[in-house]
N, C-alpha and C. Protein backbone atom coordinates (compact mmCIF):
# COMPACT_ATOMS: atom_id res chain seq x y z
N UNK A 1 -12.82 -31.74 -30.93
CA UNK A 1 -13.73 -30.78 -31.87
C UNK A 1 -13.53 -29.23 -31.07
N UNK A 2 -13.50 -28.46 -31.72
CA UNK A 2 -13.16 -27.31 -31.17
C UNK A 2 -14.53 -26.24 -31.25
N UNK A 3 -14.70 -25.48 -30.26
CA UNK A 3 -16.09 -24.56 -30.77
C UNK A 3 -15.24 -23.35 -30.01
N UNK A 4 -15.63 -22.35 -30.59
CA UNK A 4 -15.62 -20.67 -30.62
C UNK A 4 -16.28 -20.18 -29.28
N UNK A 5 -15.84 -19.42 -28.81
CA UNK A 5 -16.20 -18.50 -27.58
C UNK A 5 -17.44 -17.74 -28.22
N UNK A 6 -18.06 -17.19 -27.34
CA UNK A 6 -19.49 -16.44 -28.00
C UNK A 6 -19.60 -15.66 -29.00
N UNK A 7 -18.18 -14.58 -28.68
CA UNK A 7 -17.72 -14.07 -29.41
C UNK A 7 -16.69 -14.26 -30.36
N UNK A 8 -16.45 -13.54 -31.61
CA UNK A 8 -15.15 -14.08 -32.41
C UNK A 8 -14.02 -12.97 -31.99
N UNK A 9 -14.53 -11.76 -31.58
CA UNK A 9 -13.27 -10.81 -30.87
C UNK A 9 -14.32 -9.45 -30.25
N UNK A 10 -13.31 -8.82 -29.54
CA UNK A 10 -14.28 -7.78 -28.78
C UNK A 10 -13.48 -6.77 -28.83
N UNK A 11 -13.85 -5.79 -29.58
CA UNK A 11 -12.96 -4.45 -29.58
C UNK A 11 -11.38 -4.68 -30.50
N UNK A 12 -11.25 -5.75 -31.12
CA UNK A 12 -9.70 -6.27 -31.46
C UNK A 12 -8.89 -7.11 -30.95
N UNK A 13 -9.95 -7.58 -29.41
CA UNK A 13 -9.45 -8.61 -29.09
C UNK A 13 -9.76 -10.11 -29.61
N UNK A 14 -9.00 -10.77 -30.04
CA UNK A 14 -9.51 -12.20 -31.11
C UNK A 14 -9.93 -13.22 -29.43
N UNK A 15 -11.02 -13.96 -29.73
CA UNK A 15 -11.39 -14.76 -28.62
C UNK A 15 -10.50 -15.90 -28.81
N UNK A 16 -10.29 -16.78 -27.95
CA UNK A 16 -9.74 -18.12 -27.75
C UNK A 16 -10.75 -19.07 -27.94
N UNK A 17 -10.51 -20.16 -28.49
CA UNK A 17 -11.37 -21.06 -28.66
C UNK A 17 -10.96 -22.29 -27.60
N UNK A 18 -12.11 -22.85 -26.77
CA UNK A 18 -12.05 -23.92 -26.15
C UNK A 18 -12.07 -25.04 -26.85
N UNK A 19 -10.88 -26.02 -26.30
CA UNK A 19 -10.52 -27.33 -27.03
C UNK A 19 -11.18 -28.32 -26.51
N UNK A 20 -12.29 -28.90 -27.20
CA UNK A 20 -12.64 -30.10 -26.55
C UNK A 20 -11.67 -31.43 -26.67
N UNK A 21 -11.58 -31.34 -28.07
CA UNK A 21 -10.37 -32.68 -28.43
C UNK A 21 -9.57 -32.03 -29.41
N UNK A 22 -8.39 -32.78 -28.50
CA UNK A 22 -7.04 -32.07 -28.60
C UNK A 22 -6.64 -32.38 -30.23
N UNK A 23 -6.61 -33.82 -30.41
CA UNK A 23 -6.43 -34.52 -31.64
C UNK A 23 -7.22 -33.84 -32.82
N UNK A 24 -8.18 -33.86 -32.80
CA UNK A 24 -8.71 -32.82 -33.80
C UNK A 24 -8.72 -31.23 -34.06
N UNK A 25 -7.92 -30.99 -32.65
CA UNK A 25 -7.65 -29.04 -33.09
C UNK A 25 -6.44 -29.37 -33.63
N UNK A 26 -5.33 -30.36 -33.00
CA UNK A 26 -4.17 -30.26 -33.87
C UNK A 26 -4.24 -30.50 -35.24
N UNK A 27 -4.99 -31.54 -35.95
CA UNK A 27 -5.48 -32.26 -37.33
C UNK A 27 -6.09 -30.59 -37.80
N UNK A 28 -7.07 -30.07 -37.12
CA UNK A 28 -7.50 -29.03 -38.08
C UNK A 28 -6.53 -27.87 -38.30
N UNK A 29 -5.53 -27.38 -37.23
CA UNK A 29 -4.61 -26.28 -37.40
C UNK A 29 -3.10 -26.82 -38.03
N UNK A 30 -3.52 -28.28 -38.17
CA UNK A 30 -2.11 -28.83 -39.28
C UNK A 30 -0.73 -28.60 -38.65
N UNK A 31 -0.66 -28.64 -36.97
CA UNK A 31 0.24 -28.15 -36.18
C UNK A 31 0.39 -29.91 -35.38
N UNK A 32 1.87 -29.62 -35.08
CA UNK A 32 2.13 -30.22 -33.93
C UNK A 32 1.95 -30.11 -32.78
N UNK A 33 2.67 -30.76 -31.61
CA UNK A 33 2.06 -30.48 -30.44
C UNK A 33 3.12 -29.14 -29.93
N UNK A 34 4.34 -29.21 -30.36
CA UNK A 34 5.07 -28.20 -29.88
C UNK A 34 4.82 -26.65 -30.66
N UNK A 35 4.56 -27.18 -31.94
CA UNK A 35 4.05 -25.37 -32.81
C UNK A 35 2.84 -24.88 -31.98
N UNK A 36 2.08 -25.89 -31.59
CA UNK A 36 0.32 -25.77 -31.32
C UNK A 36 0.76 -25.17 -29.97
N UNK A 37 1.83 -25.52 -28.73
CA UNK A 37 2.16 -24.74 -27.77
C UNK A 37 2.77 -23.53 -27.78
N UNK A 38 3.71 -23.53 -28.68
CA UNK A 38 4.31 -22.32 -29.07
C UNK A 38 3.15 -21.20 -29.23
N UNK A 39 2.35 -21.41 -30.20
CA UNK A 39 1.38 -20.57 -30.91
C UNK A 39 0.25 -20.28 -29.81
N UNK A 40 -0.24 -20.89 -28.70
CA UNK A 40 -0.89 -20.71 -27.58
C UNK A 40 -0.01 -19.68 -26.72
N UNK A 41 0.99 -20.10 -26.28
CA UNK A 41 1.89 -18.94 -25.17
C UNK A 41 2.04 -17.72 -26.12
N UNK A 42 2.33 -17.74 -27.49
CA UNK A 42 2.44 -16.51 -27.69
C UNK A 42 1.18 -15.68 -27.87
N UNK A 43 -0.06 -16.10 -27.91
CA UNK A 43 -1.26 -15.63 -28.22
C UNK A 43 -1.31 -15.15 -26.57
N UNK A 44 -1.07 -15.87 -25.81
CA UNK A 44 -1.16 -15.77 -24.33
C UNK A 44 -0.47 -14.45 -23.60
N UNK A 45 0.65 -14.46 -24.44
CA UNK A 45 1.81 -13.20 -23.89
C UNK A 45 0.88 -11.85 -24.66
N UNK A 46 0.33 -11.97 -25.98
CA UNK A 46 -0.73 -11.25 -26.81
C UNK A 46 -1.35 -10.74 -25.70
N UNK A 47 -2.04 -11.44 -25.27
CA UNK A 47 -3.41 -11.23 -24.48
C UNK A 47 -2.91 -10.27 -22.78
N UNK A 48 -1.53 -10.88 -22.70
CA UNK A 48 -1.06 -10.09 -21.35
C UNK A 48 -0.83 -8.48 -21.32
N UNK A 49 0.03 -8.25 -22.88
CA UNK A 49 0.33 -6.88 -23.27
C UNK A 49 -0.93 -6.12 -23.27
N UNK A 50 -2.24 -6.63 -24.12
CA UNK A 50 -3.40 -6.12 -24.26
C UNK A 50 -3.68 -5.73 -22.54
N UNK A 51 -3.80 -6.45 -21.89
CA UNK A 51 -4.34 -6.52 -20.83
C UNK A 51 -3.54 -5.51 -19.68
N UNK A 52 -2.28 -5.29 -20.03
CA UNK A 52 -1.80 -4.25 -19.31
C UNK A 52 -1.83 -2.73 -19.80
N UNK A 53 -2.21 -2.59 -21.19
CA UNK A 53 -2.80 -1.66 -21.74
C UNK A 53 -4.04 -0.92 -21.32
N UNK A 54 -4.73 -2.39 -21.19
CA UNK A 54 -6.29 -1.83 -20.48
C UNK A 54 -6.20 -1.08 -19.33
N UNK A 55 -5.57 -2.19 -18.61
CA UNK A 55 -5.24 -1.34 -16.82
C UNK A 55 -4.83 -0.26 -17.03
N UNK A 56 -3.68 0.34 -17.96
CA UNK A 56 -3.08 1.61 -17.40
C UNK A 56 -4.23 2.21 -18.02
N UNK A 57 -5.14 2.02 -19.09
CA UNK A 57 -6.18 2.94 -19.63
C UNK A 57 -7.33 3.05 -18.46
N UNK A 58 -7.50 2.05 -17.54
CA UNK A 58 -8.49 2.05 -16.36
C UNK A 58 -7.84 2.91 -15.36
N UNK A 59 -6.70 2.93 -15.05
CA UNK A 59 -6.14 3.67 -13.94
C UNK A 59 -6.17 4.98 -14.34
N UNK A 60 -5.87 5.62 -15.22
CA UNK A 60 -5.99 6.66 -16.01
C UNK A 60 -7.57 7.28 -15.69
N UNK A 61 -8.46 6.59 -16.20
CA UNK A 61 -9.70 6.89 -16.33
C UNK A 61 -10.42 7.08 -14.88
N UNK A 62 -9.96 6.37 -13.72
CA UNK A 62 -10.25 5.98 -12.40
C UNK A 62 -9.73 7.57 -11.69
N UNK A 63 -8.28 8.03 -12.36
CA UNK A 63 -7.91 9.00 -11.53
C UNK A 63 -8.90 10.52 -11.90
N UNK A 64 -9.16 10.34 -13.48
CA UNK A 64 -9.74 11.07 -14.22
C UNK A 64 -11.25 11.81 -13.50
N UNK A 65 -11.74 10.69 -13.31
CA UNK A 65 -13.48 11.01 -12.88
C UNK A 65 -13.24 11.89 -11.84
N UNK A 66 -12.40 11.67 -10.58
CA UNK A 66 -12.65 12.50 -9.36
C UNK A 66 -12.00 13.85 -9.65
N UNK A 67 -11.14 13.86 -10.55
CA UNK A 67 -10.80 15.30 -11.04
C UNK A 67 -11.91 16.16 -11.79
N UNK A 68 -12.82 15.14 -12.52
CA UNK A 68 -13.63 16.06 -13.06
C UNK A 68 -15.04 16.52 -12.19
N UNK A 69 -15.10 15.40 -11.57
CA UNK A 69 -16.22 15.71 -10.15
C UNK A 69 -16.00 17.09 -9.31
N UNK A 70 -14.65 17.05 -9.21
CA UNK A 70 -13.91 17.89 -8.20
C UNK A 70 -14.61 19.49 -8.90
N UNK A 71 -14.16 19.55 -10.29
CA UNK A 71 -14.13 20.59 -11.13
C UNK A 71 -15.56 20.82 -10.80
N UNK A 72 -16.41 19.94 -11.21
CA UNK A 72 -17.87 20.37 -11.30
C UNK A 72 -18.51 21.05 -10.10
N UNK A 73 -17.62 20.38 -8.76
CA UNK A 73 -18.02 21.12 -7.66
C UNK A 73 -17.80 22.31 -7.40
N UNK A 74 -16.49 22.83 -7.61
CA UNK A 74 -16.43 23.70 -7.89
C UNK A 74 -17.02 25.06 -8.37
N UNK A 75 -17.23 24.64 -9.85
CA UNK A 75 -18.03 25.03 -10.91
C UNK A 75 -19.37 25.68 -10.14
N UNK A 76 -19.97 24.30 -9.79
CA UNK A 76 -21.49 24.74 -8.76
C UNK A 76 -21.37 25.30 -7.51
N UNK A 77 -19.99 25.57 -6.67
CA UNK A 77 -20.09 26.52 -5.81
C UNK A 77 -20.09 27.91 -5.91
N UNK A 78 -19.15 28.38 -7.21
CA UNK A 78 -19.14 29.25 -7.81
C UNK A 78 -20.54 29.99 -8.63
N UNK A 79 -21.23 28.73 -9.01
CA UNK A 79 -22.58 29.43 -9.40
C UNK A 79 -23.24 29.81 -8.30
N UNK A 80 -23.15 28.90 -7.23
CA UNK A 80 -24.00 29.27 -5.75
C UNK A 80 -23.98 30.46 -5.19
N UNK A 81 -22.84 30.69 -5.28
CA UNK A 81 -22.34 32.10 -4.27
C UNK A 81 -22.12 33.43 -5.46
N UNK A 82 -22.87 33.26 -6.76
CA UNK A 82 -22.97 34.47 -7.35
C UNK A 82 -24.30 34.99 -7.13
N UNK A 83 -24.09 36.24 -6.95
CA UNK A 83 -25.16 37.30 -6.77
C UNK A 83 -25.31 37.38 -5.24
N UNK A 84 -24.85 36.63 -4.31
CA UNK A 84 -24.90 36.76 -2.82
C UNK A 84 -23.78 37.82 -2.33
N UNK A 85 -22.68 38.69 -3.09
CA UNK A 85 -22.03 39.34 -2.77
C UNK A 85 -21.20 38.77 -1.78
N UNK A 86 -20.96 37.62 -1.09
CA UNK A 86 -20.11 36.38 -1.02
C UNK A 86 -18.80 36.42 -1.47
N UNK A 87 -17.54 36.60 -0.53
CA UNK A 87 -16.31 36.38 -1.59
C UNK A 87 -15.82 34.95 -1.02
N UNK A 88 -15.57 34.61 -1.93
CA UNK A 88 -14.75 33.20 -2.00
C UNK A 88 -13.14 33.01 -1.63
N UNK A 89 -12.34 32.20 -0.75
CA UNK A 89 -11.19 32.61 -0.43
C UNK A 89 -10.59 31.06 -1.12
N UNK A 90 -9.95 31.12 -2.22
CA UNK A 90 -9.60 29.60 -2.42
C UNK A 90 -8.05 29.89 -2.61
N UNK A 91 -7.39 28.41 -2.73
CA UNK A 91 -6.01 28.46 -2.58
C UNK A 91 -5.99 27.68 -4.57
N UNK A 92 -5.38 28.02 -4.93
CA UNK A 92 -5.49 27.33 -6.47
C UNK A 92 -3.47 26.41 -6.18
N UNK A 93 -3.82 25.32 -7.18
CA UNK A 93 -2.28 24.81 -7.35
C UNK A 93 -1.73 25.67 -8.68
N UNK A 94 -0.69 26.42 -8.57
CA UNK A 94 0.15 27.13 -9.37
C UNK A 94 0.73 26.06 -10.42
N UNK A 95 1.71 25.13 -9.73
CA UNK A 95 2.43 24.00 -9.86
C UNK A 95 2.21 22.92 -8.78
N UNK A 96 3.47 21.83 -9.22
CA UNK A 96 3.21 20.51 -8.33
C UNK A 96 3.30 21.19 -7.11
N UNK A 97 2.64 21.06 -5.87
CA UNK A 97 2.84 21.58 -4.82
C UNK A 97 3.45 23.45 -4.29
N UNK A 98 3.33 24.03 -5.39
CA UNK A 98 3.31 25.45 -5.15
C UNK A 98 1.44 26.12 -5.35
N UNK A 99 1.15 26.63 -4.27
CA UNK A 99 -0.13 27.18 -4.33
C UNK A 99 -0.37 28.70 -4.01
N UNK A 100 -0.98 29.17 -4.31
CA UNK A 100 -1.38 30.57 -4.60
C UNK A 100 -3.06 31.02 -3.81
N UNK A 101 -3.25 31.67 -2.87
CA UNK A 101 -4.34 32.33 -2.35
C UNK A 101 -5.10 33.44 -3.67
N UNK A 102 -6.32 33.04 -3.39
CA UNK A 102 -6.98 34.02 -4.47
C UNK A 102 -8.21 34.39 -3.80
N UNK A 103 -8.86 35.71 -3.81
CA UNK A 103 -10.32 36.26 -3.55
C UNK A 103 -11.13 36.27 -4.50
N UNK A 104 -12.24 35.43 -4.53
CA UNK A 104 -13.06 35.50 -5.81
C UNK A 104 -14.54 36.16 -5.19
N UNK A 105 -15.05 37.28 -6.09
CA UNK A 105 -15.77 37.87 -5.42
C UNK A 105 -17.18 37.61 -6.21
N UNK A 106 -17.21 37.72 -7.64
CA UNK A 106 -18.28 37.47 -8.63
C UNK A 106 -17.64 36.75 -10.04
N UNK A 107 -17.90 35.33 -9.92
CA UNK A 107 -17.28 34.61 -11.22
C UNK A 107 -18.52 34.36 -12.27
N UNK A 108 -17.93 35.19 -13.31
CA UNK A 108 -18.85 34.98 -14.68
C UNK A 108 -18.22 34.21 -15.10
N UNK A 109 -17.23 33.48 -15.20
CA UNK A 109 -16.79 32.49 -15.93
C UNK A 109 -15.73 31.76 -15.34
N UNK A 110 -15.29 30.94 -15.67
CA UNK A 110 -14.10 29.80 -15.32
C UNK A 110 -13.23 29.62 -16.78
N UNK A 111 -12.15 29.13 -16.32
CA UNK A 111 -11.23 28.70 -17.25
C UNK A 111 -10.88 27.11 -17.07
N UNK A 112 -10.96 26.42 -17.86
CA UNK A 112 -10.68 24.91 -17.55
C UNK A 112 -9.61 24.56 -18.82
N UNK A 113 -8.73 23.73 -17.74
CA UNK A 113 -7.63 23.21 -18.70
C UNK A 113 -8.08 22.13 -19.25
N UNK A 114 -7.64 22.09 -20.83
CA UNK A 114 -8.39 20.96 -21.71
C UNK A 114 -6.88 20.10 -22.06
N UNK A 115 -5.63 20.52 -21.47
CA UNK A 115 -4.53 19.55 -21.59
C UNK A 115 -3.68 20.00 -23.01
N UNK A 116 -2.73 19.31 -23.24
CA UNK A 116 -1.89 19.54 -24.39
C UNK A 116 -1.63 21.20 -24.21
N UNK A 117 -1.34 21.86 -22.94
CA UNK A 117 -1.04 23.14 -22.72
C UNK A 117 -2.21 24.49 -23.19
N UNK A 118 -3.38 23.67 -23.29
CA UNK A 118 -4.88 24.36 -23.62
C UNK A 118 -5.53 24.58 -22.74
N UNK A 119 -5.59 26.17 -22.24
CA UNK A 119 -7.08 26.46 -21.29
C UNK A 119 -8.05 27.28 -22.05
N UNK A 120 -8.83 26.88 -21.64
CA UNK A 120 -10.01 27.91 -22.42
C UNK A 120 -10.74 28.31 -21.40
N UNK A 121 -11.62 29.90 -21.60
CA UNK A 121 -12.18 30.27 -20.69
C UNK A 121 -13.72 30.00 -21.24
N UNK A 122 -14.63 29.65 -20.20
CA UNK A 122 -15.85 29.38 -20.26
C UNK A 122 -16.98 29.86 -19.36
N UNK A 123 -18.08 30.27 -19.76
CA UNK A 123 -19.06 30.97 -18.76
C UNK A 123 -19.38 29.67 -17.54
N UNK A 124 -19.93 30.06 -16.48
CA UNK A 124 -20.08 28.98 -15.75
C UNK A 124 -21.35 27.56 -16.20
N UNK A 125 -22.11 28.04 -17.08
CA UNK A 125 -23.17 27.11 -17.44
C UNK A 125 -22.76 26.39 -18.39
N UNK A 126 -22.04 26.90 -19.32
CA UNK A 126 -21.04 25.83 -20.33
C UNK A 126 -20.39 25.05 -19.69
N UNK A 127 -19.35 25.45 -18.67
CA UNK A 127 -18.25 24.61 -17.86
C UNK A 127 -19.00 23.65 -17.46
N UNK A 128 -20.28 23.85 -17.21
CA UNK A 128 -21.23 22.69 -16.27
C UNK A 128 -21.41 21.76 -17.07
N UNK A 129 -21.92 22.19 -18.23
CA UNK A 129 -22.53 21.29 -19.62
C UNK A 129 -20.94 20.32 -20.00
N UNK A 130 -19.76 20.89 -20.43
CA UNK A 130 -18.80 20.78 -20.86
C UNK A 130 -18.33 19.29 -19.69
N UNK A 131 -17.99 19.85 -18.63
CA UNK A 131 -17.71 18.80 -17.64
C UNK A 131 -18.76 17.46 -17.27
N UNK A 132 -20.10 17.96 -17.38
CA UNK A 132 -20.82 16.80 -17.09
C UNK A 132 -20.91 16.15 -18.40
N UNK A 133 -20.77 16.53 -19.67
CA UNK A 133 -20.30 15.64 -20.71
C UNK A 133 -19.06 14.89 -20.40
N UNK A 134 -18.08 15.65 -20.35
CA UNK A 134 -16.68 14.61 -19.87
C UNK A 134 -17.02 13.56 -19.16
N UNK A 135 -17.72 13.71 -17.67
CA UNK A 135 -18.29 12.80 -16.50
C UNK A 135 -18.41 11.65 -17.26
N UNK A 136 -19.85 12.17 -17.96
CA UNK A 136 -20.64 10.71 -18.55
C UNK A 136 -19.48 10.09 -20.06
N UNK A 137 -18.63 10.63 -20.48
CA UNK A 137 -18.04 10.15 -21.60
C UNK A 137 -17.18 9.04 -20.73
N UNK A 138 -16.31 9.62 -19.56
CA UNK A 138 -15.47 8.96 -18.89
C UNK A 138 -15.60 7.76 -18.09
N UNK A 139 -17.03 7.77 -17.49
CA UNK A 139 -17.78 6.77 -16.88
C UNK A 139 -18.08 5.53 -17.92
N UNK A 140 -18.71 5.95 -18.86
CA UNK A 140 -19.11 4.87 -20.04
C UNK A 140 -18.01 4.50 -20.48
N UNK A 141 -16.77 5.34 -20.71
CA UNK A 141 -15.59 4.64 -21.11
C UNK A 141 -14.99 3.71 -20.24
N UNK A 142 -15.14 3.93 -18.92
CA UNK A 142 -14.83 3.10 -17.87
C UNK A 142 -15.51 1.78 -17.73
N UNK A 143 -16.93 1.82 -18.23
CA UNK A 143 -17.55 0.50 -18.10
C UNK A 143 -17.20 -0.06 -19.42
N UNK A 144 -17.13 0.15 -20.47
CA UNK A 144 -16.19 -0.33 -21.40
C UNK A 144 -15.21 -1.36 -21.16
N UNK A 145 -14.63 -0.47 -20.37
CA UNK A 145 -13.06 -0.72 -20.55
C UNK A 145 -12.79 -2.09 -19.22
N UNK A 146 -14.32 -2.17 -18.59
CA UNK A 146 -14.13 -3.20 -17.46
C UNK A 146 -14.76 -4.31 -18.22
N UNK A 147 -15.41 -4.18 -19.00
CA UNK A 147 -16.17 -5.39 -20.33
C UNK A 147 -15.03 -5.75 -20.59
N UNK A 148 -14.46 -5.03 -21.26
CA UNK A 148 -12.82 -5.42 -22.11
C UNK A 148 -12.13 -6.56 -21.33
N UNK A 149 -11.53 -5.82 -20.08
CA UNK A 149 -10.87 -6.04 -19.30
C UNK A 149 -11.65 -7.93 -19.01
N UNK A 150 -13.05 -7.95 -18.57
CA UNK A 150 -13.32 -9.15 -18.16
C UNK A 150 -13.53 -10.26 -19.58
N UNK A 151 -13.73 -9.92 -20.55
CA UNK A 151 -13.43 -10.76 -21.73
C UNK A 151 -12.04 -10.91 -22.09
N UNK A 152 -11.15 -10.17 -21.79
CA UNK A 152 -9.53 -10.33 -21.89
C UNK A 152 -9.36 -11.38 -20.89
N UNK A 153 -9.73 -11.39 -19.60
CA UNK A 153 -9.47 -12.48 -18.71
C UNK A 153 -9.85 -13.81 -19.09
N UNK A 154 -11.40 -13.33 -19.36
CA UNK A 154 -11.82 -14.98 -19.98
C UNK A 154 -11.14 -15.57 -21.30
N UNK A 155 -10.48 -14.89 -22.00
CA UNK A 155 -9.31 -15.39 -22.87
C UNK A 155 -8.52 -15.82 -22.47
N UNK A 156 -7.76 -15.27 -21.53
CA UNK A 156 -6.58 -15.86 -20.68
C UNK A 156 -6.83 -17.01 -20.04
N UNK A 157 -8.05 -17.02 -19.62
CA UNK A 157 -8.41 -18.51 -18.83
C UNK A 157 -8.56 -19.61 -19.64
N UNK A 158 -9.39 -19.18 -21.17
CA UNK A 158 -9.43 -20.42 -21.91
C UNK A 158 -8.22 -20.51 -22.90
N UNK A 159 -7.26 -19.56 -22.52
CA UNK A 159 -6.08 -20.33 -23.44
C UNK A 159 -5.26 -20.84 -22.73
N UNK A 160 -5.28 -20.62 -21.09
CA UNK A 160 -4.25 -21.53 -20.20
C UNK A 160 -4.87 -22.98 -19.77
N UNK A 161 -6.09 -22.90 -19.85
CA UNK A 161 -6.57 -24.19 -20.08
C UNK A 161 -6.19 -24.97 -21.55
N UNK A 162 -6.36 -24.33 -22.16
CA UNK A 162 -6.14 -24.96 -23.73
C UNK A 162 -4.73 -25.70 -23.85
N UNK A 163 -3.73 -24.57 -23.15
CA UNK A 163 -2.06 -25.12 -23.15
C UNK A 163 -2.00 -26.15 -22.01
N UNK A 164 -2.62 -26.07 -20.99
CA UNK A 164 -2.60 -27.67 -20.14
C UNK A 164 -3.27 -28.62 -20.92
N UNK A 165 -4.19 -28.43 -21.45
CA UNK A 165 -5.06 -29.85 -22.29
C UNK A 165 -3.95 -30.24 -23.41
N UNK A 166 -3.73 -29.31 -24.17
CA UNK A 166 -2.33 -29.64 -25.14
C UNK A 166 -1.35 -30.55 -24.60
N UNK A 167 -0.70 -29.83 -23.57
CA UNK A 167 0.32 -30.49 -22.96
C UNK A 167 0.24 -31.62 -22.45
N UNK A 168 -0.96 -32.07 -21.44
CA UNK A 168 -1.31 -32.95 -20.67
C UNK A 168 -1.85 -34.29 -21.80
N UNK A 169 -2.20 -33.85 -23.00
CA UNK A 169 -2.31 -34.63 -24.33
C UNK A 169 -1.16 -35.37 -24.55
N UNK A 170 -0.30 -34.28 -25.06
CA UNK A 170 0.75 -34.84 -25.17
C UNK A 170 1.47 -36.19 -24.33
N UNK A 171 1.65 -35.36 -23.08
CA UNK A 171 1.92 -36.38 -21.95
C UNK A 171 1.41 -37.88 -22.24
N UNK A 172 0.10 -38.06 -22.19
CA UNK A 172 -0.44 -39.11 -22.32
C UNK A 172 0.18 -39.83 -23.30
N UNK A 173 -0.10 -39.01 -24.49
CA UNK A 173 0.48 -39.80 -26.22
C UNK A 173 1.82 -40.27 -25.70
N UNK A 174 2.69 -39.66 -25.24
CA UNK A 174 4.07 -40.07 -25.05
C UNK A 174 4.22 -41.57 -24.15
N UNK A 175 3.14 -41.40 -22.91
CA UNK A 175 3.07 -42.69 -22.19
C UNK A 175 2.74 -43.61 -22.99
N UNK A 176 1.58 -43.31 -23.75
CA UNK A 176 1.29 -44.92 -24.51
C UNK A 176 2.06 -45.35 -25.53
N UNK A 177 2.75 -44.34 -26.58
CA UNK A 177 3.45 -44.74 -27.13
C UNK A 177 4.92 -45.66 -26.21
N UNK A 178 5.16 -45.13 -25.32
CA UNK A 178 6.14 -45.74 -24.48
C UNK A 178 5.74 -47.31 -23.99
N UNK A 179 4.69 -47.01 -23.45
CA UNK A 179 3.69 -48.46 -22.72
C UNK A 179 4.08 -49.35 -24.26
N UNK A 180 3.52 -48.84 -25.33
CA UNK A 180 3.60 -49.81 -26.50
C UNK A 180 4.67 -50.30 -26.88
N UNK A 181 5.75 -49.50 -26.74
CA UNK A 181 7.41 -50.08 -27.17
C UNK A 181 7.51 -50.63 -26.19
N UNK A 182 7.11 -50.72 -24.94
CA UNK A 182 7.90 -51.73 -23.55
C UNK A 182 7.50 -53.03 -24.19
N UNK A 183 5.74 -53.01 -24.42
CA UNK A 183 5.02 -54.29 -24.52
C UNK A 183 5.61 -55.00 -25.82
N UNK A 184 6.03 -54.21 -26.55
CA UNK A 184 6.23 -54.98 -27.93
C UNK A 184 7.55 -55.32 -27.80
N UNK A 185 8.31 -54.72 -27.11
CA UNK A 185 9.91 -55.51 -26.55
C UNK A 185 9.58 -56.84 -25.63
N UNK A 186 8.89 -56.82 -24.59
CA UNK A 186 8.66 -58.20 -24.07
C UNK A 186 8.64 -59.09 -24.88
């Protein structure tokens, strides 16, 4: 008998069914052993592809979160120095490996790089709100990704176990047929 996982799918990732009885599983799907194994192997490969994509997204988010936090710290420093008359000397990265030194006296606004060759000027308060929202969204996305990866790893494990169960069942059936053929010849 075949029982499905607790969820039929998660964000487009199909759930793998745990196979308790291989004979019933093969009968229900109307497949022979080789077809079932090919289907399961294909599903396992699909899971691996999705896992690689999710891991890439996770790496991107894990790199993005510290950048956002660093930007928040810079905006907070600018706001803290506002009105004190103190100037800040900062090194800006102009290009990869190329820096420029700047003296900041009173910062009323900041320019944020939004990506896709877009940079916008915001007041410090607006920038703080935008960056905090971006940080919250990135952390929430990371949590969802981690849950998706856990779900996916569970599906990979279930599929691997199912492949092993189908294969072992086939080996057992072949041995039974061979033993039956040997005893009938004797």
